[in-house]
Amino acid sequence: MPPRTPKACRKRGCRNTTTDRSGYCDEHKGDGWQQYKPGQTRHQRGYGTVWDRRRMRILARDGGLCCEHRRQGVAVVAKHVDHIIPKSQGGTDDDGNLQSLCAACHRAKTAREGRSRGAG
């Protein structure tokens, strides 16, 4: 695979470039999560022990396969449990609002939701 093309760091005002998949240079790696409920633990954000049990139940319910790929007739292992309607848009932790996704589908869906939130 060819090396990644250097791109500008995603941190506003930074002049560094990076080839890291996160889009941040070494100096700002990890800054993307600082704006998401800063100062709160995963338990305070609602992703504690109860979520861990719910996540395992949803992965088992979906057979450990990515729901997005399964709709296309392809079997891909899922590691993530996603809110179909994001919590930020009023979604709940009900089983009917949760789906198993592979990392690539989860990343793409989260990015789409971020763009639509910014455009609205």
PDB file of N, CA and C in Angstrom:
ATOM      1  N   MET A   1       0.845  -1.165   0.000  1.00  0.00           N
ATOM      2  CA  MET A   1       0.000   0.000   0.000  1.00  0.00           C
ATOM      3  C   MET A   1       0.899   1.239   0.000  1.00  0.00           C
ATOM      4  N   PRO A   2       0.582   2.225  -0.821  1.00  0.00           N
ATOM      5  CA  PRO A   2       1.424   3.428  -0.863  1.00  0.00           C
ATOM      6  C   PRO A   2       1.279   4.236   0.428  1.00  0.00           C
ATOM      7  N   PRO A   3       2.307   5.025   0.749  1.00  0.00           N
ATOM      8  CA  PRO A   3       2.223   5.839   1.964  1.00  0.00           C
ATOM      9  C   PRO A   3       1.107   6.877   1.840  1.00  0.00           C
ATOM     10  N   ARG A   4       0.563   7.272   2.996  1.00  0.00           N
ATOM     11  CA  ARG A   4      -0.513   8.260   3.015  1.00  0.00           C
ATOM     12  C   ARG A   4       0.038   9.637   2.656  1.00  0.00           C
ATOM     13  N   THR A   5      -0.775  10.424   1.975  1.00  0.00           N
ATOM     14  CA  THR A   5      -0.401  11.786   1.613  1.00  0.00           C
ATOM     15  C   THR A   5      -0.569  12.690   2.837  1.00  0.00           C
ATOM     16  N   PRO A   6       0.440  13.480   3.177  1.00  0.00           N
ATOM     17  CA  PRO A   6       0.298  14.382   4.323  1.00  0.00           C
ATOM     18  C   PRO A   6      -0.834  15.391   4.099  1.00  0.00           C
ATOM     19  N   LYS A   7      -1.604  15.611   5.144  1.00  0.00           N
ATOM     20  CA  LYS A   7      -2.712  16.565   5.093  1.00  0.00           C
ATOM     21  C   LYS A   7      -2.562  17.535   6.254  1.00  0.00           C
ATOM     22  N   ALA A   8      -3.233  18.670   6.164  1.00  0.00           N
ATOM     23  CA  ALA A   8      -3.189  19.667   7.235  1.00  0.00           C
ATOM     24  C   ALA A   8      -3.834  19.092   8.489  1.00  0.00           C
ATOM     25  N   CYS A   9      -3.292  19.437   9.638  1.00  0.00           N
ATOM     26  CA  CYS A   9      -3.845  19.022  10.921  1.00  0.00           C
ATOM     27  C   CYS A   9      -5.250  19.604  11.071  1.00  0.00           C
ATOM     28  N   ARG A  10      -6.164  18.832  11.665  1.00  0.00           N
ATOM     29  CA  ARG A  10      -7.553  19.271  11.840  1.00  0.00           C
ATOM     30  C   ARG A  10      -7.717  20.322  12.930  1.00  0.00           C
ATOM     31  N   LYS A  11      -6.696  20.527  13.755  1.00  0.00           N
ATOM     32  CA  LYS A  11      -6.772  21.518  14.835  1.00  0.00           C
ATOM     33  C   LYS A  11      -6.734  22.914  14.212  1.00  0.00           C
ATOM     34  N   ARG A  12      -7.730  23.706  14.532  1.00  0.00           N
ATOM     35  CA  ARG A  12      -7.826  25.053  13.974  1.00  0.00           C
ATOM     36  C   ARG A  12      -6.569  25.858  14.301  1.00  0.00           C
ATOM     37  N   GLY A  13      -5.974  26.449  13.270  1.00  0.00           N
ATOM     38  CA  GLY A  13      -4.796  27.294  13.448  1.00  0.00           C
ATOM     39  C   GLY A  13      -3.468  26.561  13.417  1.00  0.00           C
ATOM     40  N   CYS A  14      -3.491  25.234  13.432  1.00  0.00           N
ATOM     41  CA  CYS A  14      -2.243  24.462  13.406  1.00  0.00           C
ATOM     42  C   CYS A  14      -1.702  24.409  11.982  1.00  0.00           C
ATOM     43  N   ARG A  15      -0.407  24.631  11.835  1.00  0.00           N
ATOM     44  CA  ARG A  15       0.210  24.619  10.504  1.00  0.00           C
ATOM     45  C   ARG A  15       0.921  23.301  10.202  1.00  0.00           C
ATOM     46  N   ASN A  16       0.864  22.350  11.130  1.00  0.00           N
ATOM     47  CA  ASN A  16       1.523  21.054  10.935  1.00  0.00           C
ATOM     48  C   ASN A  16       0.732  20.198   9.950  1.00  0.00           C
ATOM     49  N   THR A  17       1.410  19.215   9.390  1.00  0.00           N
ATOM     50  CA  THR A  17       0.748  18.228   8.546  1.00  0.00           C
ATOM     51  C   THR A  17       0.851  16.869   9.219  1.00  0.00           C
ATOM     52  N   THR A  18       0.011  15.952   8.769  1.00  0.00           N
ATOM     53  CA  THR A  18       0.007  14.619   9.360  1.00  0.00           C
ATOM     54  C   THR A  18      -0.411  13.579   8.338  1.00  0.00           C
ATOM     55  N   THR A  19       0.018  12.362   8.574  1.00  0.00           N
ATOM     56  CA  THR A  19      -0.453  11.222   7.784  1.00  0.00           C
ATOM     57  C   THR A  19      -1.275  10.295   8.669  1.00  0.00           C
ATOM     58  N   ASP A  20      -1.503  10.700   9.918  1.00  0.00           N
ATOM     59  CA  ASP A  20      -2.268   9.895  10.863  1.00  0.00           C
ATOM     60  C   ASP A  20      -3.737   9.854  10.445  1.00  0.00           C
ATOM     61  N   ARG A  21      -4.382   8.710  10.621  1.00  0.00           N
ATOM     62  CA  ARG A  21      -5.783   8.543  10.214  1.00  0.00           C
ATOM     63  C   ARG A  21      -6.738   9.453  10.974  1.00  0.00           C
ATOM     64  N   SER A  22      -6.354   9.878  12.187  1.00  0.00           N
ATOM     65  CA  SER A  22      -7.223  10.739  12.981  1.00  0.00           C
ATOM     66  C   SER A  22      -7.343  12.131  12.371  1.00  0.00           C
ATOM     67  N   GLY A  23      -6.362  12.520  11.568  1.00  0.00           N
ATOM     68  CA  GLY A  23      -6.367  13.850  10.974  1.00  0.00           C
ATOM     69  C   GLY A  23      -5.648  14.884  11.826  1.00  0.00           C
ATOM     70  N   TYR A  24      -5.121  14.468  12.992  1.00  0.00           N
ATOM     71  CA  TYR A  24      -4.419  15.383  13.883  1.00  0.00           C
ATOM     72  C   TYR A  24      -2.925  15.084  13.864  1.00  0.00           C
ATOM     73  N   CYS A  25      -2.106  16.137  13.986  1.00  0.00           N
ATOM     74  CA  CYS A  25      -0.655  15.963  14.071  1.00  0.00           C
ATOM     75  C   CYS A  25      -0.313  15.372  15.438  1.00  0.00           C
ATOM     76  N   ASP A  26       0.952  15.002  15.633  1.00  0.00           N
ATOM     77  CA  ASP A  26       1.375  14.401  16.904  1.00  0.00           C
ATOM     78  C   ASP A  26       1.079  15.316  18.089  1.00  0.00           C
ATOM     79  N   GLU A  27       1.212  16.617  17.894  1.00  0.00           N
ATOM     80  CA  GLU A  27       0.988  17.584  18.971  1.00  0.00           C
ATOM     81  C   GLU A  27      -0.477  17.645  19.410  1.00  0.00           C
ATOM     82  N   HIS A  28      -1.404  17.404  18.470  1.00  0.00           N
ATOM     83  CA  HIS A  28      -2.834  17.560  18.766  1.00  0.00           C
ATOM     84  C   HIS A  28      -3.621  16.261  18.723  1.00  0.00           C
ATOM     85  N   LYS A  29      -2.935  15.132  18.613  1.00  0.00           N
ATOM     86  CA  LYS A  29      -3.622  13.848  18.575  1.00  0.00           C
ATOM     87  C   LYS A  29      -4.467  13.674  19.837  1.00  0.00           C
ATOM     88  N   GLY A  30      -5.709  13.303  19.675  1.00  0.00           N
ATOM     89  CA  GLY A  30      -6.593  13.125  20.814  1.00  0.00           C
ATOM     90  C   GLY A  30      -7.420  14.358  21.146  1.00  0.00           C
ATOM     91  N   ASP A  31      -7.155  15.487  20.495  1.00  0.00           N
ATOM     92  CA  ASP A  31      -7.898  16.722  20.777  1.00  0.00           C
ATOM     93  C   ASP A  31      -9.359  16.627  20.353  1.00  0.00           C
ATOM     94  N   GLY A  32      -9.689  15.779  19.397  1.00  0.00           N
ATOM     95  CA  GLY A  32     -11.059  15.678  18.913  1.00  0.00           C
ATOM     96  C   GLY A  32     -12.046  15.292  19.999  1.00  0.00           C
ATOM     97  N   TRP A  33     -11.606  14.467  20.967  1.00  0.00           N
ATOM     98  CA  TRP A  33     -12.509  14.019  22.033  1.00  0.00           C
ATOM     99  C   TRP A  33     -12.628  15.029  23.158  1.00  0.00           C
ATOM    100  N   GLN A  34     -11.766  16.039  23.194  1.00  0.00           N
ATOM    101  CA  GLN A  34     -11.810  16.999  24.289  1.00  0.00           C
ATOM    102  C   GLN A  34     -13.095  17.822  24.279  1.00  0.00           C
ATOM    103  N   GLN A  35     -13.694  17.997  23.130  1.00  0.00           N
ATOM    104  CA  GLN A  35     -14.911  18.797  23.037  1.00  0.00           C
ATOM    105  C   GLN A  35     -16.159  17.971  23.349  1.00  0.00           C
ATOM    106  N   TYR A  36     -16.039  16.658  23.465  1.00  0.00           N
ATOM    107  CA  TYR A  36     -17.186  15.810  23.744  1.00  0.00           C
ATOM    108  C   TYR A  36     -17.324  15.618  25.242  1.00  0.00           C
ATOM    109  N   LYS A  37     -18.228  16.355  25.838  1.00  0.00           N
ATOM    110  CA  LYS A  37     -18.508  16.278  27.278  1.00  0.00           C
ATOM    111  C   LYS A  37     -17.217  16.238  28.089  1.00  0.00           C
ATOM    112  N   PRO A  38     -16.419  17.310  28.011  1.00  0.00           N
ATOM    113  CA  PRO A  38     -15.131  17.325  28.708  1.00  0.00           C
ATOM    114  C   PRO A  38     -15.283  17.173  30.208  1.00  0.00           C
ATOM    115  N   GLY A  39     -14.333  16.461  30.802  1.00  0.00           N
ATOM    116  CA  GLY A  39     -14.308  16.288  32.243  1.00  0.00           C
ATOM    117  C   GLY A  39     -15.219  15.191  32.765  1.00  0.00           C
ATOM    118  N   GLN A  40     -15.912  14.482  31.871  1.00  0.00           N
ATOM    119  CA  GLN A  40     -16.804  13.418  32.322  1.00  0.00           C
ATOM    120  C   GLN A  40     -16.204  12.053  31.997  1.00  0.00           C
ATOM    121  N   THR A  41     -16.409  11.114  32.908  1.00  0.00           N
ATOM    122  CA  THR A  41     -15.950   9.749  32.671  1.00  0.00           C
ATOM    123  C   THR A  41     -16.941   9.048  31.748  1.00  0.00           C
ATOM    124  N   ARG A  42     -16.581   7.884  31.259  1.00  0.00           N
ATOM    125  CA  ARG A  42     -17.496   7.133  30.396  1.00  0.00           C
ATOM    126  C   ARG A  42     -18.774   6.768  31.152  1.00  0.00           C
ATOM    127  N   HIS A  43     -18.669   6.532  32.436  1.00  0.00           N
ATOM    128  CA  HIS A  43     -19.851   6.231  33.243  1.00  0.00           C
ATOM    129  C   HIS A  43     -20.773   7.443  33.321  1.00  0.00           C
ATOM    130  N   GLN A  44     -20.207   8.633  33.500  1.00  0.00           N
ATOM    131  CA  GLN A  44     -21.005   9.855  33.568  1.00  0.00           C
ATOM    132  C   GLN A  44     -21.676  10.161  32.225  1.00  0.00           C
ATOM    133  N   ARG A  45     -21.048   9.751  31.121  1.00  0.00           N
ATOM    134  CA  ARG A  45     -21.632   9.969  29.788  1.00  0.00           C
ATOM    135  C   ARG A  45     -22.660   8.902  29.436  1.00  0.00           C
ATOM    136  N   GLY A  46     -22.840   7.904  30.321  1.00  0.00           N
ATOM    137  CA  GLY A  46     -23.843   6.873  30.084  1.00  0.00           C
ATOM    138  C   GLY A  46     -23.308   5.601  29.460  1.00  0.00           C
ATOM    139  N   TYR A  47     -21.999   5.391  29.496  1.00  0.00           N
ATOM    140  CA  TYR A  47     -21.402   4.204  28.882  1.00  0.00           C
ATOM    141  C   TYR A  47     -20.647   3.377  29.919  1.00  0.00           C
ATOM    142  N   GLY A  48     -21.310   3.073  31.031  1.00  0.00           N
ATOM    143  CA  GLY A  48     -20.706   2.295  32.106  1.00  0.00           C
ATOM    144  C   GLY A  48     -21.051   0.822  32.000  1.00  0.00           C
ATOM    145  N   THR A  49     -21.168   0.188  33.138  1.00  0.00           N
ATOM    146  CA  THR A  49     -21.413  -1.247  33.228  1.00  0.00           C
ATOM    147  C   THR A  49     -22.737  -1.645  32.574  1.00  0.00           C
ATOM    148  N   VAL A  50     -23.775  -0.844  32.785  1.00  0.00           N
ATOM    149  CA  VAL A  50     -25.083  -1.138  32.181  1.00  0.00           C
ATOM    150  C   VAL A  50     -24.956  -1.126  30.654  1.00  0.00           C
ATOM    151  N   TRP A  51     -24.227  -0.137  30.113  1.00  0.00           N
ATOM    152  CA  TRP A  51     -24.028  -0.068  28.662  1.00  0.00           C
ATOM    153  C   TRP A  51     -23.244  -1.284  28.177  1.00  0.00           C
ATOM    154  N   ASP A  52     -22.227  -1.690  28.910  1.00  0.00           N
ATOM    155  CA  ASP A  52     -21.426  -2.851  28.504  1.00  0.00           C
ATOM    156  C   ASP A  52     -22.301  -4.093  28.349  1.00  0.00           C
ATOM    157  N   ARG A  53     -23.229  -4.303  29.290  1.00  0.00           N
ATOM    158  CA  ARG A  53     -24.143  -5.458  29.198  1.00  0.00           C
ATOM    159  C   ARG A  53     -25.098  -5.303  28.008  1.00  0.00           C
ATOM    160  N   ARG A  54     -25.618  -4.100  27.828  1.00  0.00           N
ATOM    161  CA  ARG A  54     -26.542  -3.835  26.706  1.00  0.00           C
ATOM    162  C   ARG A  54     -25.820  -4.059  25.372  1.00  0.00           C
ATOM    163  N   ARG A  55     -24.574  -3.584  25.285  1.00  0.00           N
ATOM    164  CA  ARG A  55     -23.776  -3.731  24.067  1.00  0.00           C
ATOM    165  C   ARG A  55     -23.593  -5.197  23.700  1.00  0.00           C
ATOM    166  N   MET A  56     -23.252  -6.020  24.699  1.00  0.00           N
ATOM    167  CA  MET A  56     -23.064  -7.449  24.443  1.00  0.00           C
ATOM    168  C   MET A  56     -24.374  -8.094  23.989  1.00  0.00           C
ATOM    169  N   ARG A  57     -25.492  -7.677  24.578  1.00  0.00           N
ATOM    170  CA  ARG A  57     -26.805  -8.217  24.206  1.00  0.00           C
ATOM    171  C   ARG A  57     -27.144  -7.855  22.757  1.00  0.00           C
ATOM    172  N   ILE A  58     -26.856  -6.626  22.335  1.00  0.00           N
ATOM    173  CA  ILE A  58     -27.161  -6.191  20.973  1.00  0.00           C
ATOM    174  C   ILE A  58     -26.264  -6.909  19.967  1.00  0.00           C
ATOM    175  N   LEU A  59     -24.989  -7.042  20.288  1.00  0.00           N
ATOM    176  CA  LEU A  59     -24.083  -7.772  19.388  1.00  0.00           C
ATOM    177  C   LEU A  59     -24.560  -9.218  19.215  1.00  0.00           C
ATOM    178  N   ALA A  60     -24.997  -9.852  20.305  1.00  0.00           N
ATOM    179  CA  ALA A  60     -25.512 -11.227  20.232  1.00  0.00           C
ATOM    180  C   ALA A  60     -26.806 -11.265  19.420  1.00  0.00           C
ATOM    181  N   ARG A  61     -27.699 -10.287  19.657  1.00  0.00           N
ATOM    182  CA  ARG A  61     -28.971 -10.228  18.925  1.00  0.00           C
ATOM    183  C   ARG A  61     -28.735 -10.151  17.418  1.00  0.00           C
ATOM    184  N   ASP A  62     -27.733  -9.369  17.010  1.00  0.00           N
ATOM    185  CA  ASP A  62     -27.445  -9.179  15.587  1.00  0.00           C
ATOM    186  C   ASP A  62     -26.471 -10.217  15.040  1.00  0.00           C
ATOM    187  N   GLY A  63     -26.194 -11.249  15.821  1.00  0.00           N
ATOM    188  CA  GLY A  63     -25.326 -12.326  15.371  1.00  0.00           C
ATOM    189  C   GLY A  63     -23.874 -11.922  15.214  1.00  0.00           C
ATOM    190  N   GLY A  64     -23.485 -10.797  15.834  1.00  0.00           N
ATOM    191  CA  GLY A  64     -22.098 -10.335  15.741  1.00  0.00           C
ATOM    192  C   GLY A  64     -21.742  -9.779  14.378  1.00  0.00           C
ATOM    193  N   LEU A  65     -22.768  -9.488  13.563  1.00  0.00           N
ATOM    194  CA  LEU A  65     -22.525  -8.991  12.198  1.00  0.00           C
ATOM    195  C   LEU A  65     -22.981  -7.548  12.043  1.00  0.00           C
ATOM    196  N   CYS A  66     -22.310  -6.824  11.166  1.00  0.00           N
ATOM    197  CA  CYS A  66     -22.626  -5.435  10.866  1.00  0.00           C
ATOM    198  C   CYS A  66     -23.975  -5.361  10.150  1.00  0.00           C
ATOM    199  N   CYS A  67     -24.907  -4.603  10.724  1.00  0.00           N
ATOM    200  CA  CYS A  67     -26.248  -4.475  10.137  1.00  0.00           C
ATOM    201  C   CYS A  67     -26.211  -3.799   8.774  1.00  0.00           C
ATOM    202  N   GLU A  68     -25.336  -2.822   8.606  1.00  0.00           N
ATOM    203  CA  GLU A  68     -25.235  -2.090   7.326  1.00  0.00           C
ATOM    204  C   GLU A  68     -24.764  -3.032   6.214  1.00  0.00           C
ATOM    205  N   HIS A  69     -23.738  -3.826   6.485  1.00  0.00           N
ATOM    206  CA  HIS A  69     -23.239  -4.773   5.491  1.00  0.00           C
ATOM    207  C   HIS A  69     -24.252  -5.900   5.251  1.00  0.00           C
ATOM    208  N   ARG A  70     -24.931  -6.323   6.308  1.00  0.00           N
ATOM    209  CA  ARG A  70     -25.904  -7.405   6.168  1.00  0.00           C
ATOM    210  C   ARG A  70     -27.034  -7.000   5.217  1.00  0.00           C
ATOM    211  N   ARG A  71     -27.426  -5.708   5.238  1.00  0.00           N
ATOM    212  CA  ARG A  71     -28.452  -5.215   4.301  1.00  0.00           C
ATOM    213  C   ARG A  71     -27.981  -5.331   2.849  1.00  0.00           C
ATOM    214  N   GLN A  72     -26.651  -5.333   2.652  1.00  0.00           N
ATOM    215  CA  GLN A  72     -26.076  -5.456   1.319  1.00  0.00           C
ATOM    216  C   GLN A  72     -25.758  -6.908   0.967  1.00  0.00           C
ATOM    217  N   GLY A  73     -26.072  -7.816   1.882  1.00  0.00           N
ATOM    218  CA  GLY A  73     -25.832  -9.230   1.647  1.00  0.00           C
ATOM    219  C   GLY A  73     -24.408  -9.671   1.915  1.00  0.00           C
ATOM    220  N   VAL A  74     -23.676  -8.903   2.717  1.00  0.00           N
ATOM    221  CA  VAL A  74     -22.275  -9.208   3.019  1.00  0.00           C
ATOM    222  C   VAL A  74     -22.141  -9.431   4.526  1.00  0.00           C
ATOM    223  N   ALA A  75     -21.368 -10.431   4.922  1.00  0.00           N
ATOM    224  CA  ALA A  75     -21.151 -10.721   6.344  1.00  0.00           C
ATOM    225  C   ALA A  75     -19.829 -10.109   6.797  1.00  0.00           C
ATOM    226  N   VAL A  76     -19.922  -9.102   7.677  1.00  0.00           N
ATOM    227  CA  VAL A  76     -18.737  -8.447   8.241  1.00  0.00           C
ATOM    228  C   VAL A  76     -18.920  -8.400   9.761  1.00  0.00           C
ATOM    229  N   VAL A  77     -17.866  -8.754  10.486  1.00  0.00           N
ATOM    230  CA  VAL A  77     -17.929  -8.778  11.949  1.00  0.00           C
ATOM    231  C   VAL A  77     -18.138  -7.366  12.495  1.00  0.00           C
ATOM    232  N   ALA A  78     -19.053  -7.237  13.446  1.00  0.00           N
ATOM    233  CA  ALA A  78     -19.335  -5.955  14.096  1.00  0.00           C
ATOM    234  C   ALA A  78     -18.670  -5.920  15.463  1.00  0.00           C
ATOM    235  N   LYS A  79     -18.105  -4.786  15.815  1.00  0.00           N
ATOM    236  CA  LYS A  79     -17.501  -4.582  17.138  1.00  0.00           C
ATOM    237  C   LYS A  79     -18.157  -3.410  17.862  1.00  0.00           C
ATOM    238  N   HIS A  80     -18.922  -2.597  17.137  1.00  0.00           N
ATOM    239  CA  HIS A  80     -19.514  -1.387  17.705  1.00  0.00           C
ATOM    240  C   HIS A  80     -21.026  -1.518  17.789  1.00  0.00           C
ATOM    241  N   VAL A  81     -21.617  -0.883  18.798  1.00  0.00           N
ATOM    242  CA  VAL A  81     -23.070  -0.773  18.888  1.00  0.00           C
ATOM    243  C   VAL A  81     -23.387   0.708  18.759  1.00  0.00           C
ATOM    244  N   ASP A  82     -24.255   1.026  17.811  1.00  0.00           N
ATOM    245  CA  ASP A  82     -24.541   2.402  17.423  1.00  0.00           C
ATOM    246  C   ASP A  82     -25.994   2.762  17.702  1.00  0.00           C
ATOM    247  N   HIS A  83     -26.222   4.015  18.071  1.00  0.00           N
ATOM    248  CA  HIS A  83     -27.586   4.533  18.206  1.00  0.00           C
ATOM    249  C   HIS A  83     -28.081   4.908  16.815  1.00  0.00           C
ATOM    250  N   ILE A  84     -29.166   4.300  16.351  1.00  0.00           N
ATOM    251  CA  ILE A  84     -29.729   4.606  15.035  1.00  0.00           C
ATOM    252  C   ILE A  84     -30.106   6.086  14.987  1.00  0.00           C
ATOM    253  N   ILE A  85     -30.875   6.539  15.971  1.00  0.00           N
ATOM    254  CA  ILE A  85     -31.121   7.970  16.159  1.00  0.00           C
ATOM    255  C   ILE A  85     -30.167   8.393  17.271  1.00  0.00           C
ATOM    256  N   PRO A  86     -29.195   9.258  16.965  1.00  0.00           N
ATOM    257  CA  PRO A  86     -28.188   9.620  17.961  1.00  0.00           C
ATOM    258  C   PRO A  86     -28.805  10.200  19.229  1.00  0.00           C
ATOM    259  N   LYS A  87     -28.142   9.954  20.349  1.00  0.00           N
ATOM    260  CA  LYS A  87     -28.618  10.497  21.621  1.00  0.00           C
ATOM    261  C   LYS A  87     -28.673  12.017  21.562  1.00  0.00           C
ATOM    262  N   SER A  88     -27.771  12.627  20.808  1.00  0.00           N
ATOM    263  CA  SER A  88     -27.743  14.086  20.687  1.00  0.00           C
ATOM    264  C   SER A  88     -28.971  14.621  19.955  1.00  0.00           C
ATOM    265  N   GLN A  89     -29.681  13.734  19.244  1.00  0.00           N
ATOM    266  CA  GLN A  89     -30.884  14.133  18.516  1.00  0.00           C
ATOM    267  C   GLN A  89     -32.134  13.513  19.137  1.00  0.00           C
ATOM    268  N   GLY A  90     -32.021  13.116  20.397  1.00  0.00           N
ATOM    269  CA  GLY A  90     -33.178  12.593  21.115  1.00  0.00           C
ATOM    270  C   GLY A  90     -33.313  11.091  21.120  1.00  0.00           C
ATOM    271  N   GLY A  91     -32.344  10.379  20.565  1.00  0.00           N
ATOM    272  CA  GLY A  91     -32.379   8.918  20.570  1.00  0.00           C
ATOM    273  C   GLY A  91     -32.212   8.364  21.974  1.00  0.00           C
ATOM    274  N   THR A  92     -32.649   7.132  22.156  1.00  0.00           N
ATOM    275  CA  THR A  92     -32.579   6.496  23.468  1.00  0.00           C
ATOM    276  C   THR A  92     -31.688   5.255  23.405  1.00  0.00           C
ATOM    277  N   ASP A  93     -31.511   4.639  24.567  1.00  0.00           N
ATOM    278  CA  ASP A  93     -30.736   3.406  24.654  1.00  0.00           C
ATOM    279  C   ASP A  93     -31.626   2.169  24.495  1.00  0.00           C
ATOM    280  N   ASP A  94     -32.871   2.342  24.055  1.00  0.00           N
ATOM    281  CA  ASP A  94     -33.762   1.204  23.836  1.00  0.00           C
ATOM    282  C   ASP A  94     -33.162   0.284  22.776  1.00  0.00           C
ATOM    283  N   ASP A  95     -33.360  -1.020  22.949  1.00  0.00           N
ATOM    284  CA  ASP A  95     -32.819  -1.991  21.998  1.00  0.00           C
ATOM    285  C   ASP A  95     -33.237  -1.691  20.561  1.00  0.00           C
ATOM    286  N   GLY A  96     -34.435  -1.184  20.359  1.00  0.00           N
ATOM    287  CA  GLY A  96     -34.911  -0.880  19.012  1.00  0.00           C
ATOM    288  C   GLY A  96     -34.172   0.268  18.351  1.00  0.00           C
ATOM    289  N   ASN A  97     -33.435   1.059  19.123  1.00  0.00           N
ATOM    290  CA  ASN A  97     -32.669   2.182  18.584  1.00  0.00           C
ATOM    291  C   ASN A  97     -31.180   1.853  18.498  1.00  0.00           C
ATOM    292  N   LEU A  98     -30.828   0.594  18.680  1.00  0.00           N
ATOM    293  CA  LEU A  98     -29.423   0.195  18.656  1.00  0.00           C
ATOM    294  C   LEU A  98     -29.176  -0.813  17.545  1.00  0.00           C
ATOM    295  N   GLN A  99     -27.995  -0.717  16.938  1.00  0.00           N
ATOM    296  CA  GLN A  99     -27.608  -1.657  15.876  1.00  0.00           C
ATOM    297  C   GLN A  99     -26.123  -1.947  15.978  1.00  0.00           C
ATOM    298  N   SER A 100     -25.741  -3.124  15.531  1.00  0.00           N
ATOM    299  CA  SER A 100     -24.335  -3.518  15.501  1.00  0.00           C
ATOM    300  C   SER A 100     -23.730  -3.026  14.196  1.00  0.00           C
ATOM    301  N   LEU A 101     -22.543  -2.427  14.282  1.00  0.00           N
ATOM    302  CA  LEU A 101     -21.842  -1.952  13.087  1.00  0.00           C
ATOM    303  C   LEU A 101     -20.368  -2.319  13.158  1.00  0.00           C
ATOM    304  N   CYS A 102     -19.757  -2.487  11.993  1.00  0.00           N
ATOM    305  CA  CYS A 102     -18.304  -2.654  11.931  1.00  0.00           C
ATOM    306  C   CYS A 102     -17.680  -1.267  12.135  1.00  0.00           C
ATOM    307  N   ALA A 103     -16.394  -1.217  12.373  1.00  0.00           N
ATOM    308  CA  ALA A 103     -15.718   0.053  12.649  1.00  0.00           C
ATOM    309  C   ALA A 103     -15.866   1.033  11.488  1.00  0.00           C
ATOM    310  N   ALA A 104     -15.726   0.553  10.256  1.00  0.00           N
ATOM    311  CA  ALA A 104     -15.812   1.444   9.089  1.00  0.00           C
ATOM    312  C   ALA A 104     -17.205   2.051   8.949  1.00  0.00           C
ATOM    313  N   CYS A 105     -18.248   1.250   9.116  1.00  0.00           N
ATOM    314  CA  CYS A 105     -19.621   1.760   9.002  1.00  0.00           C
ATOM    315  C   CYS A 105     -19.941   2.721  10.143  1.00  0.00           C
ATOM    316  N   HIS A 106     -19.463   2.406  11.348  1.00  0.00           N
ATOM    317  CA  HIS A 106     -19.706   3.281  12.492  1.00  0.00           C
ATOM    318  C   HIS A 106     -19.025   4.636  12.284  1.00  0.00           C
ATOM    319  N   ARG A 107     -17.790   4.613  11.808  1.00  0.00           N
ATOM    320  CA  ARG A 107     -17.039   5.850  11.543  1.00  0.00           C
ATOM    321  C   ARG A 107     -17.758   6.685  10.483  1.00  0.00           C
ATOM    322  N   ALA A 108     -18.200   6.035   9.402  1.00  0.00           N
ATOM    323  CA  ALA A 108     -18.877   6.750   8.313  1.00  0.00           C
ATOM    324  C   ALA A 108     -20.204   7.341   8.790  1.00  0.00           C
ATOM    325  N   LYS A 109     -20.977   6.586   9.552  1.00  0.00           N
ATOM    326  CA  LYS A 109     -22.271   7.076  10.040  1.00  0.00           C
ATOM    327  C   LYS A 109     -22.074   8.252  10.994  1.00  0.00           C
ATOM    328  N   THR A 110     -21.095   8.142  11.884  1.00  0.00           N
ATOM    329  CA  THR A 110     -20.815   9.226  12.817  1.00  0.00           C
ATOM    330  C   THR A 110     -20.382  10.481  12.068  1.00  0.00           C
ATOM    331  N   ALA A 111     -19.575  10.323  11.025  1.00  0.00           N
ATOM    332  CA  ALA A 111     -19.150  11.472  10.230  1.00  0.00           C
ATOM    333  C   ALA A 111     -20.339  12.119   9.511  1.00  0.00           C
ATOM    334  N   ARG A 112     -21.229  11.301   8.950  1.00  0.00           N
ATOM    335  CA  ARG A 112     -22.435  11.845   8.279  1.00  0.00           C
ATOM    336  C   ARG A 112     -23.281  12.633   9.270  1.00  0.00           C
ATOM    337  N   GLU A 113     -23.447  12.100  10.460  1.00  0.00           N
ATOM    338  CA  GLU A 113     -24.262  12.767  11.476  1.00  0.00           C
ATOM    339  C   GLU A 113     -23.622  14.091  11.895  1.00  0.00           C
ATOM    340  N   GLY A 114     -22.313  14.113  11.981  1.00  0.00           N
ATOM    341  CA  GLY A 114     -21.597  15.344  12.336  1.00  0.00           C
ATOM    342  C   GLY A 114     -21.763  16.406  11.284  1.00  0.00           C
ATOM    343  N   ARG A 115     -21.701  16.004  10.004  1.00  0.00           N
ATOM    344  CA  ARG A 115     -21.873  16.954   8.910  1.00  0.00           C
ATOM    345  C   ARG A 115     -23.289  17.503   8.879  1.00  0.00           C
ATOM    346  N   SER A 116     -24.279  16.622   9.083  1.00  0.00           N
ATOM    347  CA  SER A 116     -25.678  17.074   9.028  1.00  0.00           C
ATOM    348  C   SER A 116     -26.002  17.988  10.200  1.00  0.00           C
ATOM    349  N   ARG A 117     -25.383  17.747  11.353  1.00  0.00           N
ATOM    350  CA  ARG A 117     -25.598  18.605  12.521  1.00  0.00           C
ATOM    351  C   ARG A 117     -25.001  19.988  12.278  1.00  0.00           C
ATOM    352  N   GLY A 118     -23.828  20.007  11.634  1.00  0.00           N
ATOM    353  CA  GLY A 118     -23.164  21.283  11.356  1.00  0.00           C
ATOM    354  C   GLY A 118     -23.878  22.092  10.282  1.00  0.00           C
ATOM    355  N   ALA A 119     -24.540  21.386   9.347  1.00  0.00           N
ATOM    356  CA  ALA A 119     -25.223  22.073   8.247  1.00  0.00           C
ATOM    357  C   ALA A 119     -26.565  22.632   8.669  1.00  0.00           C
ATOM    358  N   GLY A 120     -27.159  22.048   9.733  1.00  0.00           N
ATOM    359  CA  GLY A 120     -28.497  22.444  10.138  1.00  0.00           C
ATOM    360  C   GLY A 120     -28.494  23.664  10.926  1.00  0.00           C
TER     361      GLY A 120
END
